[in-house]
């Protein structure tokens, strides 16, 4: 596993969401997929790691997080709905006090 400065944000329903923020510059938040974006970076999945590192090299501040129920976020959760996942995104963005950001997604 790759050592990264992992932090936590708490969603409005109390679920703790693990995230990382790498680089400086305009924020680019990756909406977590079902596998978990933070976990993919930490274990070194080639695509996740390569894309993140390249974006950081281009001057972006890349934020990745694990969706509720996956990776390093709270795993024992009942609400896995789209609304719950939106609360996860809102928690991370709020914790980082981001007024504006680019939103990315990979599927």
Protein backbone atom coordinates (compact mmCIF):
# COMPACT_ATOMS: atom_id res chain seq x y z
CA UNK A 1 0.00 0.00 0.00
CA UNK A 2 1.05 3.56 -0.71
CA UNK A 3 1.27 5.88 2.28
CA UNK A 4 -0.95 8.94 1.81
CA UNK A 5 -2.24 11.59 4.21
CA UNK A 6 -5.73 10.12 4.74
CA UNK A 7 -8.35 12.22 6.51
CA UNK A 8 -12.03 11.87 7.36
CA UNK A 9 -15.17 13.89 6.76
CA UNK A 10 -18.50 13.12 8.43
CA UNK A 11 -21.65 13.06 6.31
CA UNK A 12 -24.86 14.63 7.61
CA UNK A 13 -26.11 11.17 8.63
CA UNK A 14 -22.97 10.45 10.69
CA UNK A 15 -21.12 8.23 8.21
CA UNK A 16 -17.34 8.81 8.23
CA UNK A 17 -15.84 9.19 4.75
CA UNK A 18 -12.11 8.67 4.17
CA UNK A 19 -10.45 10.99 1.67
CA UNK A 20 -7.10 12.25 0.43
CA UNK A 21 -6.12 15.58 -1.05
CA UNK A 22 -2.98 15.67 -3.17
CA UNK A 23 -1.32 18.64 -4.83
CA UNK A 24 -2.08 22.32 -4.99
CA UNK A 25 -4.10 24.36 -7.41
CA UNK A 26 -7.68 24.21 -8.59
CA UNK A 27 -9.56 21.38 -6.83
CA UNK A 28 -10.68 18.36 -8.83
CA UNK A 29 -12.93 16.01 -6.86
CA UNK A 30 -13.42 12.47 -8.12
CA UNK A 31 -16.90 11.20 -7.32
CA UNK A 32 -16.18 7.82 -5.76
CA UNK A 33 -17.25 4.72 -7.63
CA UNK A 34 -18.30 1.40 -6.12
CA UNK A 35 -14.69 0.27 -5.68
CA UNK A 36 -13.53 3.36 -3.79
CA UNK A 37 -11.24 5.97 -5.25
CA UNK A 38 -9.02 6.45 -2.21
CA UNK A 39 -8.53 2.74 -1.72
CA UNK A 40 -7.61 2.31 -5.39
CA UNK A 41 -4.91 4.94 -5.07
CA UNK A 42 -3.58 3.56 -1.78
CA UNK A 43 -3.20 0.00 -3.07
CA UNK A 44 -1.63 1.26 -6.27
CA UNK A 45 -4.19 0.37 -8.94
CA UNK A 46 -2.25 1.48 -12.03
CA UNK A 47 -4.99 3.54 -13.68
CA UNK A 48 -6.09 5.32 -10.50
CA UNK A 49 -2.53 6.02 -9.40
CA UNK A 50 -1.33 7.13 -12.84
CA UNK A 51 -4.28 9.45 -13.53
CA UNK A 52 -4.03 11.04 -10.08
CA UNK A 53 -0.28 11.60 -10.26
CA UNK A 54 -0.49 13.05 -13.76
CA UNK A 55 -3.24 15.47 -12.76
CA UNK A 56 -1.24 16.57 -9.71
CA UNK A 57 1.76 17.06 -12.03
CA UNK A 58 -0.39 19.30 -14.23
CA UNK A 59 -1.15 21.56 -11.27
CA UNK A 60 -4.47 20.21 -9.99
CA UNK A 61 -5.38 19.52 -6.40
CA UNK A 62 -6.87 16.02 -6.67
CA UNK A 63 -9.34 14.82 -4.04
CA UNK A 64 -10.32 11.15 -3.93
CA UNK A 65 -12.53 9.43 -1.39
CA UNK A 66 -14.01 6.05 -0.57
CA UNK A 67 -17.76 5.87 -0.81
CA UNK A 68 -19.71 4.71 2.25
CA UNK A 69 -19.44 1.00 2.79
CA UNK A 70 -16.13 0.68 0.92
CA UNK A 71 -12.41 0.99 1.52
CA UNK A 72 -11.44 3.08 4.51
CA UNK A 73 -14.83 4.78 4.94
CA UNK A 74 -17.42 3.47 7.41
CA UNK A 75 -18.39 0.01 6.23
CA UNK A 76 -21.32 -0.87 8.48
CA UNK A 77 -23.90 1.45 6.93
CA UNK A 78 -27.52 0.87 5.96
CA UNK A 79 -28.03 3.69 3.48
CA UNK A 80 -26.21 2.91 0.22
CA UNK A 81 -28.58 5.02 -1.88
CA UNK A 82 -27.68 7.72 -4.38
CA UNK A 83 -28.78 10.29 -1.79
CA UNK A 84 -26.32 8.79 0.68
CA UNK A 85 -23.52 9.00 -1.85
CA UNK A 86 -24.38 12.65 -2.51
CA UNK A 87 -24.09 13.25 1.25
CA UNK A 88 -20.61 11.67 1.09
CA UNK A 89 -19.54 14.10 -1.64
CA UNK A 90 -21.04 17.04 0.26
CA UNK A 91 -19.19 15.99 3.43
CA UNK A 92 -15.79 15.87 1.70
CA UNK A 93 -16.34 19.15 -0.16
CA UNK A 94 -17.60 20.82 3.03
CA UNK A 95 -14.71 19.52 5.13
CA UNK A 96 -12.27 21.01 2.63
CA UNK A 97 -14.28 24.28 2.47
CA UNK A 98 -14.43 24.15 -1.33
CA UNK A 99 -16.68 26.84 -2.80
CA UNK A 100 -15.87 25.81 -6.38
CA UNK A 101 -14.40 22.62 -7.77
CA UNK A 102 -14.33 20.46 -10.85
CA UNK A 103 -16.15 17.16 -10.46
CA UNK A 104 -14.77 14.08 -12.21
CA UNK A 105 -16.05 10.56 -12.52
CA UNK A 106 -14.75 7.36 -14.01
CA UNK A 107 -16.81 4.26 -14.64
